[in-house]
């Protein structure tokens, strides 16, 4: 599954973490929107995603960094910032 990355995505409002396998060819914006809609379906009445949802790194040397929405996830994988098991937050 070289074209996908396993992400751990935390929803700060509920502190729930979701494990999702995402195609690295998606832009961060596309991935964030898809993840937000999946989480919203799971967390009815507790989470409504906004139009400008994004992804932020929560651990490691890049903690607190917001991933640029127009870049592909592959860019961040190649950079070493995102890999299987990276903990991100919906921001």
N, C-alpha and C. Protein backbone atom coordinates (compact mmCIF):
# COMPACT_ATOMS: atom_id res chain seq x y z
N UNK A 1 0.83 -1.19 0.00
CA UNK A 1 0.00 0.00 0.00
C UNK A 1 0.87 1.25 0.00
N UNK A 2 1.79 1.30 -0.93
CA UNK A 2 2.72 2.42 -1.00
C UNK A 2 2.04 3.72 -1.36
N UNK A 3 0.87 3.67 -1.96
CA UNK A 3 0.18 4.89 -2.36
C UNK A 3 -0.79 5.41 -1.31
N UNK A 4 -0.73 4.80 -0.14
CA UNK A 4 -1.60 5.25 0.96
C UNK A 4 -0.76 5.39 2.22
N UNK A 5 -1.25 6.21 3.12
CA UNK A 5 -0.59 6.40 4.40
C UNK A 5 -1.64 6.25 5.50
N UNK A 6 -1.26 5.59 6.58
CA UNK A 6 -2.16 5.38 7.71
C UNK A 6 -1.99 6.55 8.68
N UNK A 7 -3.03 7.34 8.84
CA UNK A 7 -2.98 8.52 9.70
C UNK A 7 -3.83 8.31 10.95
N UNK A 8 -3.37 8.85 12.04
CA UNK A 8 -4.16 8.93 13.26
C UNK A 8 -4.63 10.37 13.34
N UNK A 9 -5.92 10.57 13.32
CA UNK A 9 -6.47 11.93 13.29
C UNK A 9 -7.30 12.16 14.54
N UNK A 10 -6.91 13.16 15.30
CA UNK A 10 -7.61 13.49 16.55
C UNK A 10 -8.56 14.64 16.32
N UNK A 11 -9.74 14.49 16.88
CA UNK A 11 -10.73 15.56 16.87
C UNK A 11 -10.62 16.24 18.23
N UNK A 12 -10.02 17.43 18.29
CA UNK A 12 -9.76 18.07 19.59
C UNK A 12 -10.99 18.25 20.47
N UNK A 13 -12.15 18.52 19.88
CA UNK A 13 -13.33 18.78 20.70
C UNK A 13 -13.80 17.55 21.47
N UNK A 14 -13.56 16.38 20.94
CA UNK A 14 -14.00 15.15 21.62
C UNK A 14 -12.84 14.34 22.17
N UNK A 15 -11.62 14.68 21.75
CA UNK A 15 -10.41 13.95 22.10
C UNK A 15 -10.40 12.51 21.56
N UNK A 16 -11.27 12.24 20.62
CA UNK A 16 -11.30 10.93 19.97
C UNK A 16 -10.27 10.91 18.85
N UNK A 17 -9.64 9.77 18.67
CA UNK A 17 -8.67 9.60 17.60
C UNK A 17 -9.17 8.55 16.63
N UNK A 18 -9.06 8.85 15.36
CA UNK A 18 -9.53 7.96 14.30
C UNK A 18 -8.35 7.51 13.46
N UNK A 19 -8.36 6.25 13.08
CA UNK A 19 -7.31 5.68 12.25
C UNK A 19 -7.85 5.58 10.82
N UNK A 20 -7.18 6.26 9.90
CA UNK A 20 -7.65 6.31 8.52
C UNK A 20 -6.50 6.08 7.55
N UNK A 21 -6.74 5.28 6.55
CA UNK A 21 -5.77 5.08 5.47
C UNK A 21 -6.18 6.01 4.33
N UNK A 22 -5.26 6.89 3.93
CA UNK A 22 -5.57 7.95 2.98
C UNK A 22 -4.59 7.89 1.80
N UNK A 23 -5.11 8.11 0.61
CA UNK A 23 -4.30 8.15 -0.61
C UNK A 23 -3.35 9.35 -0.55
N UNK A 24 -2.07 9.12 -0.81
CA UNK A 24 -1.09 10.20 -0.73
C UNK A 24 -1.18 11.17 -1.90
N UNK A 25 -1.95 10.82 -2.93
CA UNK A 25 -2.09 11.72 -4.07
C UNK A 25 -3.16 12.79 -3.87
N UNK A 26 -3.89 12.71 -2.76
CA UNK A 26 -4.86 13.76 -2.42
C UNK A 26 -4.10 14.99 -1.92
N UNK A 27 -4.67 16.16 -2.16
CA UNK A 27 -4.10 17.34 -1.51
C UNK A 27 -4.49 17.27 -0.03
N UNK A 28 -3.79 18.02 0.77
CA UNK A 28 -4.13 18.07 2.20
C UNK A 28 -5.55 18.58 2.37
N UNK A 29 -5.94 19.58 1.58
CA UNK A 29 -7.30 20.11 1.65
C UNK A 29 -8.34 19.07 1.34
N UNK A 30 -8.11 18.28 0.29
CA UNK A 30 -9.05 17.21 -0.08
C UNK A 30 -9.11 16.15 1.02
N UNK A 31 -7.95 15.77 1.53
CA UNK A 31 -7.90 14.76 2.59
C UNK A 31 -8.60 15.27 3.85
N UNK A 32 -8.35 16.53 4.22
CA UNK A 32 -8.96 17.10 5.42
C UNK A 32 -10.48 17.15 5.28
N UNK A 33 -10.96 17.53 4.11
CA UNK A 33 -12.41 17.60 3.87
C UNK A 33 -13.03 16.21 3.96
N UNK A 34 -12.37 15.22 3.35
CA UNK A 34 -12.87 13.85 3.39
C UNK A 34 -12.88 13.32 4.83
N UNK A 35 -11.79 13.53 5.54
CA UNK A 35 -11.68 13.06 6.92
C UNK A 35 -12.74 13.75 7.79
N UNK A 36 -12.89 15.05 7.62
CA UNK A 36 -13.87 15.81 8.41
C UNK A 36 -15.29 15.30 8.18
N UNK A 37 -15.62 14.96 6.93
CA UNK A 37 -16.98 14.47 6.67
C UNK A 37 -17.17 13.07 7.25
N UNK A 38 -16.14 12.24 7.22
CA UNK A 38 -16.24 10.91 7.84
C UNK A 38 -16.41 11.03 9.36
N UNK A 39 -15.63 11.91 9.97
CA UNK A 39 -15.72 12.11 11.42
C UNK A 39 -17.07 12.72 11.79
N UNK A 40 -17.55 13.66 10.99
CA UNK A 40 -18.85 14.30 11.26
C UNK A 40 -19.97 13.26 11.22
N UNK A 41 -19.89 12.32 10.29
CA UNK A 41 -20.90 11.27 10.20
C UNK A 41 -20.86 10.37 11.44
N UNK A 42 -19.67 10.17 11.96
CA UNK A 42 -19.49 9.32 13.14
C UNK A 42 -19.87 10.06 14.43
N UNK A 43 -19.61 11.35 14.45
CA UNK A 43 -19.82 12.18 15.65
C UNK A 43 -21.02 13.11 15.48
N UNK A 44 -22.13 12.56 15.03
CA UNK A 44 -23.33 13.38 14.84
C UNK A 44 -23.59 14.24 16.07
N UNK A 45 -23.92 15.47 15.82
CA UNK A 45 -24.30 16.44 16.86
C UNK A 45 -23.14 16.90 17.73
N UNK A 46 -21.97 16.30 17.58
CA UNK A 46 -20.82 16.73 18.38
C UNK A 46 -19.76 17.42 17.54
N UNK A 47 -19.87 17.28 16.21
CA UNK A 47 -18.87 17.89 15.34
C UNK A 47 -19.48 18.28 14.01
N UNK A 48 -19.35 19.55 13.67
CA UNK A 48 -19.75 20.06 12.36
C UNK A 48 -18.52 20.69 11.73
N UNK A 49 -18.00 20.13 10.65
CA UNK A 49 -16.79 20.69 10.04
C UNK A 49 -17.07 22.04 9.37
N UNK A 50 -16.11 22.92 9.45
CA UNK A 50 -16.20 24.20 8.76
C UNK A 50 -15.74 24.07 7.33
N UNK A 51 -15.86 25.14 6.57
CA UNK A 51 -15.43 25.13 5.17
C UNK A 51 -13.91 25.13 5.02
N UNK A 52 -13.22 25.59 6.02
CA UNK A 52 -11.77 25.74 5.93
C UNK A 52 -11.02 24.75 6.82
N UNK A 53 -11.50 23.53 6.89
CA UNK A 53 -10.88 22.52 7.74
C UNK A 53 -9.48 22.18 7.23
N UNK A 54 -8.57 21.93 8.14
CA UNK A 54 -7.19 21.60 7.78
C UNK A 54 -6.64 20.51 8.68
N UNK A 55 -5.38 20.20 8.49
CA UNK A 55 -4.70 19.18 9.29
C UNK A 55 -3.43 19.77 9.90
N UNK A 56 -3.22 19.48 11.19
CA UNK A 56 -2.05 19.98 11.91
C UNK A 56 -1.32 18.80 12.56
N UNK A 57 -0.01 18.82 12.50
CA UNK A 57 0.82 17.79 13.12
C UNK A 57 0.79 17.99 14.63
N UNK A 58 0.58 16.89 15.37
CA UNK A 58 0.48 17.00 16.83
C UNK A 58 1.71 16.53 17.60
N UNK A 59 2.58 15.74 16.96
CA UNK A 59 3.72 15.20 17.70
C UNK A 59 5.02 15.37 16.91
N UNK A 60 6.12 15.21 17.62
CA UNK A 60 7.43 15.23 16.98
C UNK A 60 7.95 16.62 16.74
N UNK A 61 9.00 16.69 15.94
CA UNK A 61 9.67 17.97 15.71
C UNK A 61 8.82 18.97 14.93
N UNK A 62 7.78 18.49 14.26
CA UNK A 62 6.90 19.37 13.48
C UNK A 62 5.58 19.66 14.19
N UNK A 63 5.50 19.33 15.47
CA UNK A 63 4.27 19.55 16.24
C UNK A 63 3.83 20.99 16.14
N UNK A 64 2.54 21.19 15.88
CA UNK A 64 1.99 22.53 15.77
C UNK A 64 1.99 23.08 14.36
N UNK A 65 2.62 22.36 13.45
CA UNK A 65 2.68 22.85 12.06
C UNK A 65 1.41 22.47 11.31
N UNK A 66 0.79 23.46 10.70
CA UNK A 66 -0.40 23.25 9.87
C UNK A 66 0.08 22.85 8.48
N UNK A 67 -0.45 21.74 7.95
CA UNK A 67 -0.06 21.29 6.63
C UNK A 67 -0.74 22.15 5.57
N UNK A 68 0.01 22.60 4.60
CA UNK A 68 -0.52 23.47 3.55
C UNK A 68 -1.56 22.73 2.73
N UNK A 69 -2.74 23.31 2.60
CA UNK A 69 -3.88 22.65 1.97
C UNK A 69 -3.74 22.33 0.51
N UNK A 70 -2.90 23.08 -0.22
CA UNK A 70 -2.77 22.83 -1.66
C UNK A 70 -1.68 21.81 -1.99
N UNK A 71 -0.87 21.46 -1.03
CA UNK A 71 0.19 20.46 -1.25
C UNK A 71 -0.41 19.06 -1.14
N UNK A 72 0.19 18.11 -1.82
CA UNK A 72 -0.29 16.73 -1.72
C UNK A 72 0.28 16.10 -0.46
N UNK A 73 -0.41 15.09 0.03
CA UNK A 73 0.13 14.35 1.17
C UNK A 73 1.46 13.72 0.81
N UNK A 74 1.61 13.33 -0.46
CA UNK A 74 2.87 12.73 -0.92
C UNK A 74 4.05 13.67 -0.65
N UNK A 75 3.84 14.97 -0.84
CA UNK A 75 4.91 15.95 -0.57
C UNK A 75 5.39 15.85 0.88
N UNK A 76 4.46 15.71 1.80
CA UNK A 76 4.82 15.64 3.22
C UNK A 76 5.39 14.27 3.59
N UNK A 77 4.96 13.23 2.88
CA UNK A 77 5.54 11.90 3.08
C UNK A 77 6.99 11.91 2.61
N UNK A 78 7.24 12.47 1.44
CA UNK A 78 8.60 12.54 0.90
C UNK A 78 9.51 13.40 1.78
N UNK A 79 8.93 14.41 2.40
CA UNK A 79 9.67 15.30 3.29
C UNK A 79 9.96 14.64 4.64
N UNK A 80 9.26 13.53 4.92
CA UNK A 80 9.45 12.82 6.18
C UNK A 80 8.60 13.37 7.31
N UNK A 81 7.72 14.31 7.02
CA UNK A 81 6.87 14.90 8.05
C UNK A 81 5.66 14.04 8.35
N UNK A 82 5.19 13.28 7.35
CA UNK A 82 4.04 12.40 7.51
C UNK A 82 4.43 10.99 7.12
N UNK A 83 4.06 10.03 7.96
CA UNK A 83 4.31 8.62 7.68
C UNK A 83 3.21 7.82 8.36
N UNK A 84 3.22 6.50 8.18
CA UNK A 84 2.23 5.66 8.85
C UNK A 84 2.27 5.93 10.34
N UNK A 85 1.13 6.21 10.93
CA UNK A 85 1.02 6.43 12.37
C UNK A 85 1.20 7.87 12.81
N UNK A 86 1.38 8.80 11.87
CA UNK A 86 1.52 10.21 12.25
C UNK A 86 0.21 10.69 12.88
N UNK A 87 0.35 11.36 14.03
CA UNK A 87 -0.82 11.90 14.73
C UNK A 87 -1.07 13.33 14.26
N UNK A 88 -2.26 13.53 13.67
CA UNK A 88 -2.67 14.83 13.18
C UNK A 88 -3.94 15.26 13.90
N UNK A 89 -4.25 16.52 13.84
CA UNK A 89 -5.52 17.03 14.39
C UNK A 89 -6.29 17.72 13.28
N UNK A 90 -7.60 17.59 13.32
CA UNK A 90 -8.44 18.40 12.45
C UNK A 90 -8.40 19.81 13.00
N UNK A 91 -8.02 20.74 12.16
CA UNK A 91 -7.87 22.12 12.61
C UNK A 91 -8.79 23.04 11.81
